[in-house]
PDB file of N, CA and C in Angstrom:
ATOM      1  N   MET A   1       7.823 -19.202 -20.126  1.00  0.00           N
ATOM      2  CA  MET A   1       7.392 -17.907 -19.661  1.00  0.00           C
ATOM      3  C   MET A   1       7.821 -16.783 -20.596  1.00  0.00           C
ATOM      4  N   PHE A   2       8.757 -17.045 -21.471  1.00  0.00           N
ATOM      5  CA  PHE A   2       9.187 -16.032 -22.430  1.00  0.00           C
ATOM      6  C   PHE A   2       8.485 -16.170 -23.773  1.00  0.00           C
ATOM      7  N   GLU A   3       7.707 -17.237 -23.951  1.00  0.00           N
ATOM      8  CA  GLU A   3       7.117 -17.473 -25.268  1.00  0.00           C
ATOM      9  C   GLU A   3       5.619 -17.718 -25.269  1.00  0.00           C
ATOM     10  N   VAL A   4       5.070 -18.367 -24.263  1.00  0.00           N
ATOM     11  CA  VAL A   4       3.648 -18.719 -24.285  1.00  0.00           C
ATOM     12  C   VAL A   4       2.795 -17.473 -24.114  1.00  0.00           C
ATOM     13  N   PRO A   5       1.619 -17.446 -24.749  1.00  0.00           N
ATOM     14  CA  PRO A   5       0.717 -16.299 -24.551  1.00  0.00           C
ATOM     15  C   PRO A   5       0.311 -16.191 -23.083  1.00  0.00           C
ATOM     16  N   LEU A   6       0.300 -14.974 -22.564  1.00  0.00           N
ATOM     17  CA  LEU A   6      -0.005 -14.764 -21.154  1.00  0.00           C
ATOM     18  C   LEU A   6      -1.466 -14.387 -20.913  1.00  0.00           C
ATOM     19  N   GLY A   7      -2.191 -14.045 -21.967  1.00  0.00           N
ATOM     20  CA  GLY A   7      -3.591 -13.664 -21.786  1.00  0.00           C
ATOM     21  C   GLY A   7      -3.707 -12.308 -21.135  1.00  0.00           C
ATOM     22  N   GLY A   8      -4.806 -12.136 -20.404  1.00  0.00           N
ATOM     23  CA  GLY A   8      -5.026 -10.878 -19.713  1.00  0.00           C
ATOM     24  C   GLY A   8      -6.175 -10.120 -20.333  1.00  0.00           C
ATOM     25  N   PRO A   9      -6.445  -8.943 -19.907  1.00  0.00           N
ATOM     26  CA  PRO A   9      -5.652  -8.190 -18.932  1.00  0.00           C
ATOM     27  C   PRO A   9      -5.971  -8.605 -17.497  1.00  0.00           C
ATOM     28  N   TYR A  10      -4.933  -8.611 -16.669  1.00  0.00           N
ATOM     29  CA  TYR A  10      -5.044  -8.992 -15.268  1.00  0.00           C
ATOM     30  C   TYR A  10      -4.815  -7.775 -14.379  1.00  0.00           C
ATOM     31  N   ASP A  11      -5.512  -7.752 -13.242  1.00  0.00           N
ATOM     32  CA  ASP A  11      -5.310  -6.676 -12.276  1.00  0.00           C
ATOM     33  C   ASP A  11      -3.995  -6.842 -11.521  1.00  0.00           C
ATOM     34  N   VAL A  12      -3.586  -8.080 -11.316  1.00  0.00           N
ATOM     35  CA  VAL A  12      -2.330  -8.381 -10.622  1.00  0.00           C
ATOM     36  C   VAL A  12      -1.591  -9.449 -11.416  1.00  0.00           C
ATOM     37  N   VAL A  13      -0.324  -9.197 -11.673  1.00  0.00           N
ATOM     38  CA  VAL A  13       0.549 -10.185 -12.306  1.00  0.00           C
ATOM     39  C   VAL A  13       1.700 -10.421 -11.333  1.00  0.00           C
ATOM     40  N   MET A  14       1.954 -11.689 -11.047  1.00  0.00           N
ATOM     41  CA  MET A  14       3.012 -12.033 -10.098  1.00  0.00           C
ATOM     42  C   MET A  14       4.154 -12.767 -10.799  1.00  0.00           C
ATOM     43  N   ILE A  15       5.354 -12.343 -10.493  1.00  0.00           N
ATOM     44  CA  ILE A  15       6.561 -13.053 -10.919  1.00  0.00           C
ATOM     45  C   ILE A  15       7.269 -13.441  -9.627  1.00  0.00           C
ATOM     46  N   THR A  16       7.208 -14.720  -9.293  1.00  0.00           N
ATOM     47  CA  THR A  16       7.711 -15.140  -7.988  1.00  0.00           C
ATOM     48  C   THR A  16       8.870 -16.120  -8.112  1.00  0.00           C
ATOM     49  N   ASN A  17       9.923 -15.798  -7.403  1.00  0.00           N
ATOM     50  CA  ASN A  17      11.096 -16.670  -7.295  1.00  0.00           C
ATOM     51  C   ASN A  17      11.606 -17.146  -8.649  1.00  0.00           C
ATOM     52  N   VAL A  18      11.676 -16.209  -9.604  1.00  0.00           N
ATOM     53  CA  VAL A  18      12.104 -16.542 -10.960  1.00  0.00           C
ATOM     54  C   VAL A  18      13.256 -15.658 -11.425  1.00  0.00           C
ATOM     55  N   LEU A  19      13.202 -14.382 -11.139  1.00  0.00           N
ATOM     56  CA  LEU A  19      14.148 -13.447 -11.746  1.00  0.00           C
ATOM     57  C   LEU A  19      15.599 -13.706 -11.360  1.00  0.00           C
ATOM     58  N   HIS A  20      15.835 -14.388 -10.256  1.00  0.00           N
ATOM     59  CA  HIS A  20      17.221 -14.695  -9.870  1.00  0.00           C
ATOM     60  C   HIS A  20      17.874 -15.710 -10.821  1.00  0.00           C
ATOM     61  N   HIS A  21      17.088 -16.333 -11.676  1.00  0.00           N
ATOM     62  CA  HIS A  21      17.637 -17.270 -12.661  1.00  0.00           C
ATOM     63  C   HIS A  21      18.228 -16.557 -13.879  1.00  0.00           C
ATOM     64  N   PHE A  22      18.002 -15.247 -13.983  1.00  0.00           N
ATOM     65  CA  PHE A  22      18.334 -14.526 -15.208  1.00  0.00           C
ATOM     66  C   PHE A  22      19.126 -13.259 -14.939  1.00  0.00           C
ATOM     67  N   SER A  23      19.768 -12.792 -15.989  1.00  0.00           N
ATOM     68  CA  SER A  23      20.459 -11.506 -15.944  1.00  0.00           C
ATOM     69  C   SER A  23      19.418 -10.389 -15.825  1.00  0.00           C
ATOM     70  N   GLU A  24      19.892  -9.193 -15.509  1.00  0.00           N
ATOM     71  CA  GLU A  24      18.975  -8.049 -15.441  1.00  0.00           C
ATOM     72  C   GLU A  24      18.309  -7.804 -16.796  1.00  0.00           C
ATOM     73  N   ALA A  25      19.052  -7.935 -17.891  1.00  0.00           N
ATOM     74  CA  ALA A  25      18.474  -7.706 -19.226  1.00  0.00           C
ATOM     75  C   ALA A  25      17.336  -8.693 -19.507  1.00  0.00           C
ATOM     76  N   LYS A  26      17.531  -9.939 -19.160  1.00  0.00           N
ATOM     77  CA  LYS A  26      16.485 -10.944 -19.365  1.00  0.00           C
ATOM     78  C   LYS A  26      15.312 -10.688 -18.410  1.00  0.00           C
ATOM     79  N   GLY A  27      15.606 -10.194 -17.213  1.00  0.00           N
ATOM     80  CA  GLY A  27      14.553  -9.820 -16.275  1.00  0.00           C
ATOM     81  C   GLY A  27      13.679  -8.713 -16.821  1.00  0.00           C
ATOM     82  N   VAL A  28      14.294  -7.708 -17.453  1.00  0.00           N
ATOM     83  CA  VAL A  28      13.526  -6.624 -18.080  1.00  0.00           C
ATOM     84  C   VAL A  28      12.613  -7.190 -19.162  1.00  0.00           C
ATOM     85  N   GLU A  29      13.125  -8.127 -19.940  1.00  0.00           N
ATOM     86  CA  GLU A  29      12.315  -8.749 -20.990  1.00  0.00           C
ATOM     87  C   GLU A  29      11.078  -9.427 -20.395  1.00  0.00           C
ATOM     88  N   LEU A  30      11.254 -10.160 -19.310  1.00  0.00           N
ATOM     89  CA  LEU A  30      10.121 -10.848 -18.695  1.00  0.00           C
ATOM     90  C   LEU A  30       9.141  -9.852 -18.070  1.00  0.00           C
ATOM     91  N   ILE A  31       9.649  -8.817 -17.426  1.00  0.00           N
ATOM     92  CA  ILE A  31       8.770  -7.803 -16.836  1.00  0.00           C
ATOM     93  C   ILE A  31       7.970  -7.099 -17.920  1.00  0.00           C
ATOM     94  N   ARG A  32       8.582  -6.812 -19.053  1.00  0.00           N
ATOM     95  CA  ARG A  32       7.844  -6.195 -20.179  1.00  0.00           C
ATOM     96  C   ARG A  32       6.738  -7.115 -20.677  1.00  0.00           C
ATOM     97  N   ARG A  33       7.014  -8.408 -20.751  1.00  0.00           N
ATOM     98  CA  ARG A  33       5.966  -9.367 -21.157  1.00  0.00           C
ATOM     99  C   ARG A  33       4.821  -9.356 -20.165  1.00  0.00           C
ATOM    100  N   ALA A  34       5.157  -9.328 -18.876  1.00  0.00           N
ATOM    101  CA  ALA A  34       4.126  -9.282 -17.840  1.00  0.00           C
ATOM    102  C   ALA A  34       3.295  -8.007 -17.968  1.00  0.00           C
ATOM    103  N   ALA A  35       3.953  -6.896 -18.254  1.00  0.00           N
ATOM    104  CA  ALA A  35       3.239  -5.620 -18.423  1.00  0.00           C
ATOM    105  C   ALA A  35       2.207  -5.713 -19.542  1.00  0.00           C
ATOM    106  N   GLY A  36       2.525  -6.452 -20.587  1.00  0.00           N
ATOM    107  CA  GLY A  36       1.598  -6.615 -21.700  1.00  0.00           C
ATOM    108  C   GLY A  36       0.344  -7.385 -21.334  1.00  0.00           C
ATOM    109  N   ALA A  37       0.385  -8.114 -20.222  1.00  0.00           N
ATOM    110  CA  ALA A  37      -0.771  -8.892 -19.765  1.00  0.00           C
ATOM    111  C   ALA A  37      -1.552  -8.182 -18.665  1.00  0.00           C
ATOM    112  N   MET A  38      -1.108  -6.973 -18.285  1.00  0.00           N
ATOM    113  CA  MET A  38      -1.730  -6.260 -17.173  1.00  0.00           C
ATOM    114  C   MET A  38      -2.811  -5.298 -17.634  1.00  0.00           C
ATOM    115  N   ALA A  39      -3.809  -5.115 -16.784  1.00  0.00           N
ATOM    116  CA  ALA A  39      -4.798  -4.055 -16.972  1.00  0.00           C
ATOM    117  C   ALA A  39      -4.074  -2.715 -16.798  1.00  0.00           C
ATOM    118  N   PRO A  40      -4.604  -1.623 -17.383  1.00  0.00           N
ATOM    119  CA  PRO A  40      -3.915  -0.331 -17.292  1.00  0.00           C
ATOM    120  C   PRO A  40      -3.580   0.107 -15.869  1.00  0.00           C
ATOM    121  N   ASP A  41      -4.445  -0.154 -14.913  1.00  0.00           N
ATOM    122  CA  ASP A  41      -4.170   0.219 -13.524  1.00  0.00           C
ATOM    123  C   ASP A  41      -3.724  -0.972 -12.680  1.00  0.00           C
ATOM    124  N   GLY A  42      -3.259  -2.029 -13.333  1.00  0.00           N
ATOM    125  CA  GLY A  42      -2.844  -3.238 -12.630  1.00  0.00           C
ATOM    126  C   GLY A  42      -1.555  -3.040 -11.852  1.00  0.00           C
ATOM    127  N   ARG A  43      -1.219  -4.049 -11.101  1.00  0.00           N
ATOM    128  CA  ARG A  43       0.011  -4.037 -10.307  1.00  0.00           C
ATOM    129  C   ARG A  43       0.840  -5.266 -10.643  1.00  0.00           C
ATOM    130  N   LEU A  44       2.138  -5.058 -10.629  1.00  0.00           N
ATOM    131  CA  LEU A  44       3.087  -6.149 -10.800  1.00  0.00           C
ATOM    132  C   LEU A  44       3.673  -6.462  -9.433  1.00  0.00           C
ATOM    133  N   VAL A  45       3.667  -7.737  -9.063  1.00  0.00           N
ATOM    134  CA  VAL A  45       4.215  -8.168  -7.783  1.00  0.00           C
ATOM    135  C   VAL A  45       5.394  -9.082  -8.057  1.00  0.00           C
ATOM    136  N   LEU A  46       6.562  -8.698  -7.542  1.00  0.00           N
ATOM    137  CA  LEU A  46       7.765  -9.508  -7.661  1.00  0.00           C
ATOM    138  C   LEU A  46       8.078 -10.069  -6.282  1.00  0.00           C
ATOM    139  N   VAL A  47       8.386 -11.352  -6.220  1.00  0.00           N
ATOM    140  CA  VAL A  47       8.763 -11.992  -4.961  1.00  0.00           C
ATOM    141  C   VAL A  47      10.084 -12.708  -5.195  1.00  0.00           C
ATOM    142  N   GLY A  48      11.020 -12.524  -4.287  1.00  0.00           N
ATOM    143  CA  GLY A  48      12.279 -13.240  -4.437  1.00  0.00           C
ATOM    144  C   GLY A  48      13.306 -12.848  -3.399  1.00  0.00           C
ATOM    145  N   PHE A  49      14.412 -13.568  -3.441  1.00  0.00           N
ATOM    146  CA  PHE A  49      15.563 -13.226  -2.630  1.00  0.00           C
ATOM    147  C   PHE A  49      16.117 -11.903  -3.138  1.00  0.00           C
ATOM    148  N   THR A  50      16.600 -11.073  -2.239  1.00  0.00           N
ATOM    149  CA  THR A  50      17.308  -9.858  -2.633  1.00  0.00           C
ATOM    150  C   THR A  50      18.494  -9.672  -1.704  1.00  0.00           C
ATOM    151  N   VAL A  51      19.502  -9.007  -2.204  1.00  0.00           N
ATOM    152  CA  VAL A  51      20.594  -8.554  -1.351  1.00  0.00           C
ATOM    153  C   VAL A  51      20.366  -7.069  -1.121  1.00  0.00           C
ATOM    154  N   ASP A  52      20.814  -6.588   0.030  1.00  0.00           N
ATOM    155  CA  ASP A  52      20.521  -5.192   0.358  1.00  0.00           C
ATOM    156  C   ASP A  52      21.754  -4.302   0.402  1.00  0.00           C
ATOM    157  N   GLY A  53      22.873  -4.791  -0.022  1.00  0.00           N
ATOM    158  CA  GLY A  53      24.077  -3.973  -0.053  1.00  0.00           C
ATOM    159  C   GLY A  53      24.926  -4.074   1.198  1.00  0.00           C
ATOM    160  N   GLY A  54      24.407  -4.712   2.242  1.00  0.00           N
ATOM    161  CA  GLY A  54      25.181  -4.891   3.467  1.00  0.00           C
ATOM    162  C   GLY A  54      26.152  -6.046   3.322  1.00  0.00           C
ATOM    163  N   PRO A  55      27.031  -6.207   4.287  1.00  0.00           N
ATOM    164  CA  PRO A  55      27.998  -7.306   4.215  1.00  0.00           C
ATOM    165  C   PRO A  55      27.296  -8.663   4.351  1.00  0.00           C
ATOM    166  N   PRO A  56      27.786  -9.677   3.657  1.00  0.00           N
ATOM    167  CA  PRO A  56      27.166 -11.009   3.700  1.00  0.00           C
ATOM    168  C   PRO A  56      27.016 -11.579   5.101  1.00  0.00           C
ATOM    169  N   VAL A  57      27.893 -11.217   6.015  1.00  0.00           N
ATOM    170  CA  VAL A  57      27.808 -11.773   7.362  1.00  0.00           C
ATOM    171  C   VAL A  57      26.518 -11.364   8.066  1.00  0.00           C
ATOM    172  N   LEU A  58      25.933 -10.218   7.697  1.00  0.00           N
ATOM    173  CA  LEU A  58      24.701  -9.751   8.328  1.00  0.00           C
ATOM    174  C   LEU A  58      23.453 -10.382   7.721  1.00  0.00           C
ATOM    175  N   ASP A  59      23.557 -10.871   6.500  1.00  0.00           N
ATOM    176  CA  ASP A  59      22.401 -11.475   5.817  1.00  0.00           C
ATOM    177  C   ASP A  59      22.920 -12.534   4.850  1.00  0.00           C
ATOM    178  N   PRO A  60      23.393 -13.684   5.381  1.00  0.00           N
ATOM    179  CA  PRO A  60      24.092 -14.652   4.534  1.00  0.00           C
ATOM    180  C   PRO A  60      23.217 -15.405   3.533  1.00  0.00           C
ATOM    181  N   ALA A  61      21.954 -15.653   3.821  1.00  0.00           N
ATOM    182  CA  ALA A  61      21.126 -16.513   2.961  1.00  0.00           C
ATOM    183  C   ALA A  61      21.072 -16.050   1.509  1.00  0.00           C
ATOM    184  N   PRO A  62      20.753 -14.780   1.214  1.00  0.00           N
ATOM    185  CA  PRO A  62      20.698 -14.405  -0.204  1.00  0.00           C
ATOM    186  C   PRO A  62      22.055 -14.453  -0.896  1.00  0.00           C
ATOM    187  N   HIS A  63      23.121 -14.196  -0.142  1.00  0.00           N
ATOM    188  CA  HIS A  63      24.458 -14.263  -0.739  1.00  0.00           C
ATOM    189  C   HIS A  63      24.831 -15.708  -1.078  1.00  0.00           C
ATOM    190  N   LEU A  64      24.506 -16.625  -0.189  1.00  0.00           N
ATOM    191  CA  LEU A  64      24.763 -18.044  -0.469  1.00  0.00           C
ATOM    192  C   LEU A  64      23.904 -18.521  -1.636  1.00  0.00           C
ATOM    193  N   PHE A  65      22.660 -18.074  -1.677  1.00  0.00           N
ATOM    194  CA  PHE A  65      21.775 -18.440  -2.783  1.00  0.00           C
ATOM    195  C   PHE A  65      22.313 -17.882  -4.107  1.00  0.00           C
ATOM    196  N   SER A  66      22.879 -16.699  -4.076  1.00  0.00           N
ATOM    197  CA  SER A  66      23.454 -16.111  -5.285  1.00  0.00           C
ATOM    198  C   SER A  66      24.598 -16.969  -5.818  1.00  0.00           C
ATOM    199  N   ILE A  67      25.388 -17.540  -4.933  1.00  0.00           N
ATOM    200  CA  ILE A  67      26.462 -18.444  -5.364  1.00  0.00           C
ATOM    201  C   ILE A  67      25.864 -19.650  -6.088  1.00  0.00           C
ATOM    202  N   LEU A  68      24.765 -20.200  -5.557  1.00  0.00           N
ATOM    203  CA  LEU A  68      24.087 -21.310  -6.241  1.00  0.00           C
ATOM    204  C   LEU A  68      23.620 -20.903  -7.631  1.00  0.00           C
ATOM    205  N   MET A  69      23.063 -19.713  -7.765  1.00  0.00           N
ATOM    206  CA  MET A  69      22.583 -19.250  -9.072  1.00  0.00           C
ATOM    207  C   MET A  69      23.746 -19.095 -10.051  1.00  0.00           C
ATOM    208  N   LEU A  70      24.871 -18.634  -9.568  1.00  0.00           N
ATOM    209  CA  LEU A  70      26.040 -18.498 -10.438  1.00  0.00           C
ATOM    210  C   LEU A  70      26.529 -19.858 -10.922  1.00  0.00           C
ATOM    211  N   VAL A  71      26.366 -20.890 -10.099  1.00  0.00           N
ATOM    212  CA  VAL A  71      26.801 -22.235 -10.460  1.00  0.00           C
ATOM    213  C   VAL A  71      25.760 -22.936 -11.332  1.00  0.00           C
ATOM    214  N   TRP A  72      24.479 -22.788 -11.017  1.00  0.00           N
ATOM    215  CA  TRP A  72      23.410 -23.545 -11.678  1.00  0.00           C
ATOM    216  C   TRP A  72      22.871 -22.903 -12.953  1.00  0.00           C
ATOM    217  N   THR A  73      23.120 -21.621 -13.172  1.00  0.00           N
ATOM    218  CA  THR A  73      22.530 -20.930 -14.332  1.00  0.00           C
ATOM    219  C   THR A  73      23.631 -20.293 -15.167  1.00  0.00           C
ATOM    220  N   HIS A  74      23.247 -19.820 -16.352  1.00  0.00           N
ATOM    221  CA  HIS A  74      24.218 -19.145 -17.224  1.00  0.00           C
ATOM    222  C   HIS A  74      24.477 -17.709 -16.792  1.00  0.00           C
ATOM    223  N   SER A  75      23.455 -17.059 -16.223  1.00  0.00           N
ATOM    224  CA  SER A  75      23.638 -15.651 -15.875  1.00  0.00           C
ATOM    225  C   SER A  75      22.816 -15.224 -14.668  1.00  0.00           C
ATOM    226  N   GLY A  76      22.378 -16.173 -13.868  1.00  0.00           N
ATOM    227  CA  GLY A  76      21.553 -15.844 -12.715  1.00  0.00           C
ATOM    228  C   GLY A  76      22.353 -15.328 -11.541  1.00  0.00           C
ATOM    229  N   GLU A  77      21.658 -14.592 -10.690  1.00  0.00           N
ATOM    230  CA  GLU A  77      22.233 -14.088  -9.451  1.00  0.00           C
ATOM    231  C   GLU A  77      21.104 -13.515  -8.614  1.00  0.00           C
ATOM    232  N   VAL A  78      21.345 -13.329  -7.347  1.00  0.00           N
ATOM    233  CA  VAL A  78      20.373 -12.656  -6.499  1.00  0.00           C
ATOM    234  C   VAL A  78      20.575 -11.159  -6.709  1.00  0.00           C
ATOM    235  N   HIS A  79      19.534 -10.502  -7.171  1.00  0.00           N
ATOM    236  CA  HIS A  79      19.609  -9.075  -7.483  1.00  0.00           C
ATOM    237  C   HIS A  79      19.315  -8.238  -6.240  1.00  0.00           C
ATOM    238  N   SER A  80      19.840  -7.044  -6.226  1.00  0.00           N
ATOM    239  CA  SER A  80      19.545  -6.110  -5.143  1.00  0.00           C
ATOM    240  C   SER A  80      18.195  -5.449  -5.401  1.00  0.00           C
ATOM    241  N   VAL A  81      17.642  -4.829  -4.371  1.00  0.00           N
ATOM    242  CA  VAL A  81      16.406  -4.069  -4.547  1.00  0.00           C
ATOM    243  C   VAL A  81      16.633  -2.968  -5.585  1.00  0.00           C
ATOM    244  N   GLY A  82      17.803  -2.350  -5.556  1.00  0.00           N
ATOM    245  CA  GLY A  82      18.132  -1.325  -6.551  1.00  0.00           C
ATOM    246  C   GLY A  82      18.121  -1.885  -7.967  1.00  0.00           C
ATOM    247  N   ALA A  83      18.653  -3.086  -8.146  1.00  0.00           N
ATOM    248  CA  ALA A  83      18.651  -3.717  -9.470  1.00  0.00           C
ATOM    249  C   ALA A  83      17.225  -4.028  -9.923  1.00  0.00           C
ATOM    250  N   TYR A  84      16.385  -4.505  -8.992  1.00  0.00           N
ATOM    251  CA  TYR A  84      14.981  -4.735  -9.333  1.00  0.00           C
ATOM    252  C   TYR A  84      14.322  -3.434  -9.776  1.00  0.00           C
ATOM    253  N   ASN A  85      14.589  -2.345  -9.064  1.00  0.00           N
ATOM    254  CA  ASN A  85      13.994  -1.066  -9.448  1.00  0.00           C
ATOM    255  C   ASN A  85      14.512  -0.587 -10.803  1.00  0.00           C
ATOM    256  N   GLN A  86      15.764  -0.857 -11.120  1.00  0.00           N
ATOM    257  CA  GLN A  86      16.292  -0.521 -12.453  1.00  0.00           C
ATOM    258  C   GLN A  86      15.584  -1.330 -13.528  1.00  0.00           C
ATOM    259  N   MET A  87      15.349  -2.624 -13.257  1.00  0.00           N
ATOM    260  CA  MET A  87      14.619  -3.459 -14.215  1.00  0.00           C
ATOM    261  C   MET A  87      13.200  -2.926 -14.407  1.00  0.00           C
ATOM    262  N   LEU A  88      12.556  -2.585 -13.301  1.00  0.00           N
ATOM    263  CA  LEU A  88      11.190  -2.065 -13.381  1.00  0.00           C
ATOM    264  C   LEU A  88      11.137  -0.767 -14.177  1.00  0.00           C
ATOM    265  N   THR A  89      12.042   0.144 -13.896  1.00  0.00           N
ATOM    266  CA  THR A  89      12.084   1.418 -14.614  1.00  0.00           C
ATOM    267  C   THR A  89      12.312   1.195 -16.107  1.00  0.00           C
ATOM    268  N   ALA A  90      13.228   0.304 -16.450  1.00  0.00           N
ATOM    269  CA  ALA A  90      13.514   0.015 -17.862  1.00  0.00           C
ATOM    270  C   ALA A  90      12.310  -0.597 -18.566  1.00  0.00           C
ATOM    271  N   ALA A  91      11.436  -1.265 -17.799  1.00  0.00           N
ATOM    272  CA  ALA A  91      10.255  -1.903 -18.374  1.00  0.00           C
ATOM    273  C   ALA A  91       9.014  -1.018 -18.296  1.00  0.00           C
ATOM    274  N   GLY A  92       9.172   0.232 -17.836  1.00  0.00           N
ATOM    275  CA  GLY A  92       8.052   1.170 -17.831  1.00  0.00           C
ATOM    276  C   GLY A  92       7.253   1.230 -16.541  1.00  0.00           C
ATOM    277  N   PHE A  93       7.867   0.853 -15.421  1.00  0.00           N
ATOM    278  CA  PHE A  93       7.188   0.885 -14.131  1.00  0.00           C
ATOM    279  C   PHE A  93       7.804   1.931 -13.222  1.00  0.00           C
ATOM    280  N   ARG A  94       7.046   2.309 -12.201  1.00  0.00           N
ATOM    281  CA  ARG A  94       7.571   3.162 -11.137  1.00  0.00           C
ATOM    282  C   ARG A  94       8.378   2.305 -10.169  1.00  0.00           C
ATOM    283  N   GLU A  95       9.134   2.956  -9.316  1.00  0.00           N
ATOM    284  CA  GLU A  95       9.880   2.243  -8.282  1.00  0.00           C
ATOM    285  C   GLU A  95       8.896   1.475  -7.405  1.00  0.00           C
ATOM    286  N   ALA A  96       9.299   0.304  -6.989  1.00  0.00           N
ATOM    287  CA  ALA A  96       8.414  -0.588  -6.231  1.00  0.00           C
ATOM    288  C   ALA A  96       8.367  -0.238  -4.750  1.00  0.00           C
ATOM    289  N   ALA A  97       7.202  -0.513  -4.163  1.00  0.00           N
ATOM    290  CA  ALA A  97       7.105  -0.547  -2.699  1.00  0.00           C
ATOM    291  C   ALA A  97       7.682  -1.897  -2.285  1.00  0.00           C
ATOM    292  N   VAL A  98       8.514  -1.910  -1.260  1.00  0.00           N
ATOM    293  CA  VAL A  98       9.231  -3.122  -0.869  1.00  0.00           C
ATOM    294  C   VAL A  98       8.784  -3.554   0.528  1.00  0.00           C
ATOM    295  N   TYR A  99       8.479  -4.846   0.642  1.00  0.00           N
ATOM    296  CA  TYR A  99       8.018  -5.414   1.907  1.00  0.00           C
ATOM    297  C   TYR A  99       8.883  -6.618   2.264  1.00  0.00           C
ATOM    298  N   ASP A 100       9.353  -6.641   3.501  1.00  0.00           N
ATOM    299  CA  ASP A 100      10.077  -7.812   4.004  1.00  0.00           C
ATOM    300  C   ASP A 100       9.073  -8.886   4.401  1.00  0.00           C
ATOM    301  N   VAL A 101       9.468 -10.140   4.267  1.00  0.00           N
ATOM    302  CA  VAL A 101       8.646 -11.265   4.700  1.00  0.00           C
ATOM    303  C   VAL A 101       9.275 -11.788   5.983  1.00  0.00           C
ATOM    304  N   GLN A 102       8.557 -11.620   7.080  1.00  0.00           N
ATOM    305  CA  GLN A 102       9.100 -11.996   8.387  1.00  0.00           C
ATOM    306  C   GLN A 102       9.512 -13.463   8.414  1.00  0.00           C
ATOM    307  N   SER A 103      10.685 -13.723   8.924  1.00  0.00           N
ATOM    308  CA  SER A 103      11.254 -15.066   9.105  1.00  0.00           C
ATOM    309  C   SER A 103      11.624 -15.759   7.792  1.00  0.00           C
ATOM    310  N   LEU A 104      11.583 -15.053   6.675  1.00  0.00           N
ATOM    311  CA  LEU A 104      12.007 -15.620   5.388  1.00  0.00           C
ATOM    312  C   LEU A 104      12.975 -14.656   4.715  1.00  0.00           C
ATOM    313  N   PRO A 105      13.916 -15.163   3.952  1.00  0.00           N
ATOM    314  CA  PRO A 105      14.878 -14.280   3.275  1.00  0.00           C
ATOM    315  C   PRO A 105      14.343 -13.752   1.942  1.00  0.00           C
ATOM    316  N   LEU A 106      13.050 -13.444   1.898  1.00  0.00           N
ATOM    317  CA  LEU A 106      12.408 -12.966   0.675  1.00  0.00           C
ATOM    318  C   LEU A 106      11.902 -11.547   0.874  1.00  0.00           C
ATOM    319  N   ARG A 107      11.744 -10.862  -0.239  1.00  0.00           N
ATOM    320  CA  ARG A 107      11.072  -9.566  -0.233  1.00  0.00           C
ATOM    321  C   ARG A 107       9.975  -9.604  -1.278  1.00  0.00           C
ATOM    322  N   VAL A 108       8.952  -8.813  -1.037  1.00  0.00           N
ATOM    323  CA  VAL A 108       7.846  -8.640  -1.972  1.00  0.00           C
ATOM    324  C   VAL A 108       7.915  -7.204  -2.461  1.00  0.00           C
ATOM    325  N   MET A 109       7.892  -7.025  -3.774  1.00  0.00           N
ATOM    326  CA  MET A 109       7.941  -5.700  -4.379  1.00  0.00           C
ATOM    327  C   MET A 109       6.688  -5.519  -5.222  1.00  0.00           C
ATOM    328  N   VAL A 110       5.994  -4.401  -5.017  1.00  0.00           N
ATOM    329  CA  VAL A 110       4.754  -4.120  -5.731  1.00  0.00           C
ATOM    330  C   VAL A 110       4.964  -2.841  -6.528  1.00  0.00           C
ATOM    331  N   ALA A 111       4.699  -2.916  -7.838  1.00  0.00           N
ATOM    332  CA  ALA A 111       4.949  -1.780  -8.712  1.00  0.00           C
ATOM    333  C   ALA A 111       3.761  -1.516  -9.626  1.00  0.00           C
ATOM    334  N   ALA A 112       3.581  -0.242  -9.931  1.00  0.00           N
ATOM    335  CA  ALA A 112       2.578   0.194 -10.906  1.00  0.00           C
ATOM    336  C   ALA A 112       3.310   0.771 -12.107  1.00  0.00           C
ATOM    337  N   ARG A 113       2.603   0.858 -13.223  1.00  0.00           N
ATOM    338  CA  ARG A 113       3.204   1.458 -14.420  1.00  0.00           C
ATOM    339  C   ARG A 113       3.530   2.916 -14.165  1.00  0.00           C
ATOM    340  N   ALA A 114       4.571   3.385 -14.818  1.00  0.00           N
ATOM    341  CA  ALA A 114       4.929   4.794 -14.751  1.00  0.00           C
ATOM    342  C   ALA A 114       3.878   5.581 -15.518  1.00  0.00           C
ATOM    343  N   ARG A 115       3.580   6.755 -15.060  1.00  0.00           N
ATOM    344  CA  ARG A 115       2.615   7.618 -15.749  1.00  0.00           C
ATOM    345  C   ARG A 115       3.278   8.221 -16.978  1.00  0.00           C
ATOM    346  N   ALA A 116       2.509   8.333 -18.042  1.00  0.00           N
ATOM    347  CA  ALA A 116       3.058   8.871 -19.296  1.00  0.00           C
ATOM    348  C   ALA A 116       3.224  10.365 -19.225  1.00  0.00           C
TER     349      ALA A 116
END
């Protein structure tokens, strides 16, 4: 995903359940690659586990998953919605609209490019 040609331009580019494998810096790199495959008015959709800043006891699944990422990867972790928005901003996008997925510990974030 960091090397193969992505083609395009696409109206929607999805990055699903991947960014938790990487550091924020590597996430920005992948989001920038995705942006290069998007149509000018396209949307980027990110799907994944997120932590929301509350204590782990209130939402244990993403925190437990983050421990797995720390063990299984070199620099992965479950990122917060704020961290996702920082990655998006660094890659030239506006802050994402965030949607909870009922009965699943996932969130869907939809972002458009920042206006020049």
